[in-house]
C-alpha atoms as a PDB file:
ATOM      1  CA  MET A   1      39.150   7.504  65.851  1.00  0.00           C
ATOM      2  CA  SER A   2      36.747   5.523  67.794  1.00  0.00           C
ATOM      3  CA  ASN A   3      33.725   6.871  65.930  1.00  0.00           C
ATOM      4  CA  ILE A   4      34.149   5.879  62.270  1.00  0.00           C
ATOM      5  CA  ASN A   5      31.019   5.768  60.196  1.00  0.00           C
ATOM      6  CA  GLY A   6      30.476   2.924  57.837  1.00  0.00           C
ATOM      7  CA  VAL A   7      30.613   3.217  54.059  1.00  0.00           C
ATOM      8  CA  GLN A   8      27.358   4.446  52.673  1.00  0.00           C
ATOM      9  CA  GLN A   9      26.024   3.037  49.486  1.00  0.00           C
ATOM     10  CA  ALA A  10      26.121   5.598  46.611  1.00  0.00           C
ATOM     11  CA  ALA A  11      23.528   5.728  43.873  1.00  0.00           C
ATOM     12  CA  VAL A  12      24.862   4.043  40.764  1.00  0.00           C
ATOM     13  CA  THR A  13      23.776   5.222  37.341  1.00  0.00           C
ATOM     14  CA  PRO A  14      24.790   3.045  34.429  1.00  0.00           C
ATOM     15  CA  VAL A  15      26.794   4.697  31.633  1.00  0.00           C
ATOM     16  CA  GLN A  16      24.990   4.846  28.302  1.00  0.00           C
ATOM     17  CA  PRO A  17      26.520   5.235  24.855  1.00  0.00           C
ATOM     18  CA  VAL A  18      26.364   8.787  23.487  1.00  0.00           C
ATOM     19  CA  SER A  19      23.798   7.874  20.841  1.00  0.00           C
ATOM     20  CA  GLN A  20      21.379   6.629  23.514  1.00  0.00           C
ATOM     21  CA  ALA A  21      22.072   9.403  25.997  1.00  0.00           C
ATOM     22  CA  TYR A  22      21.240  12.128  23.447  1.00  0.00           C
ATOM     23  CA  GLY A  23      18.441  10.452  21.562  1.00  0.00           C
ATOM     24  CA  ASN A  24      20.514   9.111  18.657  1.00  0.00           C
ATOM     25  CA  ALA A  25      22.031  12.542  17.994  1.00  0.00           C
ATOM     26  CA  ALA A  26      25.128  10.846  16.639  1.00  0.00           C
ATOM     27  CA  THR A  27      23.151   9.279  13.801  1.00  0.00           C
ATOM     28  CA  SER A  28      21.202  12.424  12.846  1.00  0.00           C
ATOM     29  CA  ALA A  29      22.270  14.564   9.892  1.00  0.00           C
ATOM     30  CA  PRO A  30      25.157  16.914  10.667  1.00  0.00           C
ATOM     31  CA  GLN A  31      24.295  20.581  10.847  1.00  0.00           C
ATOM     32  CA  ALA A  32      26.065  23.026   8.563  1.00  0.00           C
ATOM     33  CA  VAL A  33      28.692  25.074  10.335  1.00  0.00           C
ATOM     34  CA  GLY A  34      30.019  28.197   8.670  1.00  0.00           C
ATOM     35  CA  ASP A  35      32.737  30.660   9.434  1.00  0.00           C
ATOM     36  CA  THR A  36      32.359  34.371   8.861  1.00  0.00           C
ATOM     37  CA  ILE A  37      34.905  37.091   8.433  1.00  0.00           C
ATOM     38  CA  GLU A  38      34.493  40.822   8.870  1.00  0.00           C
ATOM     39  CA  ILE A  39      36.907  43.225   7.225  1.00  0.00           C
ATOM     40  CA  SER A  40      37.106  46.724   8.654  1.00  0.00           C
ATOM     41  CA  THR A  41      36.958  49.856   6.542  1.00  0.00           C
ATOM     42  CA  VAL A  42      40.570  50.595   7.420  1.00  0.00           C
ATOM     43  CA  ALA A  43      41.633  47.145   6.199  1.00  0.00           C
ATOM     44  CA  ARG A  44      39.727  47.623   2.940  1.00  0.00           C
ATOM     45  CA  LEU A  45      41.441  50.946   2.349  1.00  0.00           C
ATOM     46  CA  ALA A  46      44.840  49.525   3.304  1.00  0.00           C
ATOM     47  CA  SER A  47      44.407  46.747   0.757  1.00  0.00           C
ATOM     48  CA  ARG A  48      44.038  49.369  -1.988  1.00  0.00           C
ATOM     49  CA  VAL A  49      47.304  51.194  -1.245  1.00  0.00           C
ATOM     50  CA  HIS A  50      48.941  49.547  -4.247  1.00  0.00           C
ATOM     51  CA  GLU A  51      46.384  51.312  -6.504  1.00  0.00           C
ATOM     52  CA  LEU A  52      47.654  54.774  -5.544  1.00  0.00           C
ATOM     53  CA  PRO A  53      49.768  56.581  -8.120  1.00  0.00           C
ATOM     54  CA  ASP A  54      53.444  57.154  -7.468  1.00  0.00           C
ATOM     55  CA  VAL A  55      54.358  60.377  -5.684  1.00  0.00           C
ATOM     56  CA  ARG A  56      55.779  62.960  -8.064  1.00  0.00           C
ATOM     57  CA  THR A  57      58.553  64.191  -5.802  1.00  0.00           C
ATOM     58  CA  GLU A  58      59.729  66.943  -8.165  1.00  0.00           C
ATOM     59  CA  LEU A  59      56.225  68.431  -8.363  1.00  0.00           C
ATOM     60  CA  VAL A  60      55.793  68.291  -4.589  1.00  0.00           C
ATOM     61  CA  GLU A  61      59.096  70.075  -4.028  1.00  0.00           C
ATOM     62  CA  ARG A  62      58.268  72.739  -6.633  1.00  0.00           C
ATOM     63  CA  VAL A  63      54.852  73.423  -5.076  1.00  0.00           C
ATOM     64  CA  LYS A  64      56.402  73.621  -1.592  1.00  0.00           C
ATOM     65  CA  ALA A  65      58.896  76.188  -2.876  1.00  0.00           C
ATOM     66  CA  GLU A  66      56.136  78.236  -4.563  1.00  0.00           C
ATOM     67  CA  ILE A  67      54.033  78.184  -1.386  1.00  0.00           C
ATOM     68  CA  ALA A  68      57.049  79.278   0.679  1.00  0.00           C
ATOM     69  CA  ALA A  69      57.741  82.091  -1.803  1.00  0.00           C
ATOM     70  CA  GLY A  70      54.079  83.179  -1.790  1.00  0.00           C
ATOM     71  CA  THR A  71      53.669  82.629  -5.541  1.00  0.00           C
ATOM     72  CA  TYR A  72      51.548  79.456  -5.566  1.00  0.00           C
ATOM     73  CA  GLU A  73      48.102  80.871  -4.809  1.00  0.00           C
ATOM     74  CA  THR A  74      46.968  82.685  -7.919  1.00  0.00           C
ATOM     75  CA  SER A  75      43.387  83.622  -8.747  1.00  0.00           C
ATOM     76  CA  ASP A  76      43.359  81.128 -11.655  1.00  0.00           C
ATOM     77  CA  ARG A  77      44.474  78.264  -9.423  1.00  0.00           C
ATOM     78  CA  LEU A  78      41.954  79.194  -6.747  1.00  0.00           C
ATOM     79  CA  ASP A  79      39.158  79.258  -9.363  1.00  0.00           C
ATOM     80  CA  VAL A  80      40.124  75.791 -10.623  1.00  0.00           C
ATOM     81  CA  ALA A  81      40.330  74.432  -7.067  1.00  0.00           C
ATOM     82  CA  LEU A  82      36.923  75.903  -6.232  1.00  0.00           C
ATOM     83  CA  GLU A  83      35.350  74.420  -9.381  1.00  0.00           C
ATOM     84  CA  ARG A  84      36.786  70.981  -8.622  1.00  0.00           C
ATOM     85  CA  LEU A  85      35.593  71.160  -5.023  1.00  0.00           C
ATOM     86  CA  MET A  86      32.067  72.097  -6.132  1.00  0.00           C
ATOM     87  CA  GLU A  87      32.033  69.248  -8.682  1.00  0.00           C
ATOM     88  CA  GLU A  88      33.118  66.799  -6.011  1.00  0.00           C
ATOM     89  CA  LEU A  89      30.548  68.030  -3.502  1.00  0.00           C
ATOM     90  CA  THR A  90      27.677  67.997  -5.999  1.00  0.00           C
ATOM     91  CA  GLY A  91      28.750  64.716  -7.614  1.00  0.00           C
ATOM     92  CA  SER A  92      28.888  66.125 -11.137  1.00  0.00           C
ATOM     93  CA  MET A  93      32.356  64.915 -11.982  1.00  0.00           C
END
C-alpha cells in the first residue's frame, strides 16, 4: 500500500442537448414509419374454410358402400370423371 498513484485528471466532455448533438434532428420533420403484414398461402386458404359446402354425409356413406361392393366404378361415371378432369386441366370449364 505504500505505492498509491495519484488521481489522474480525466477528459471532460460537456453534455449537449439532443437537438444540438444530432444537428437539430429533433426539430426536423418526422419520417413516415409503416408496418407490413405478410399472410401465408395456408392462412389465406384457412380463412376461406367457411366458404366450403357442408359435407353430405349420406352421399359419402352411400359412395363408400358402393366402392366396397365394387359397384361404384361404371363406364359412364369414369367417362364423366375423365371429361371433368380434362376440362379442369385445359381451363375450359
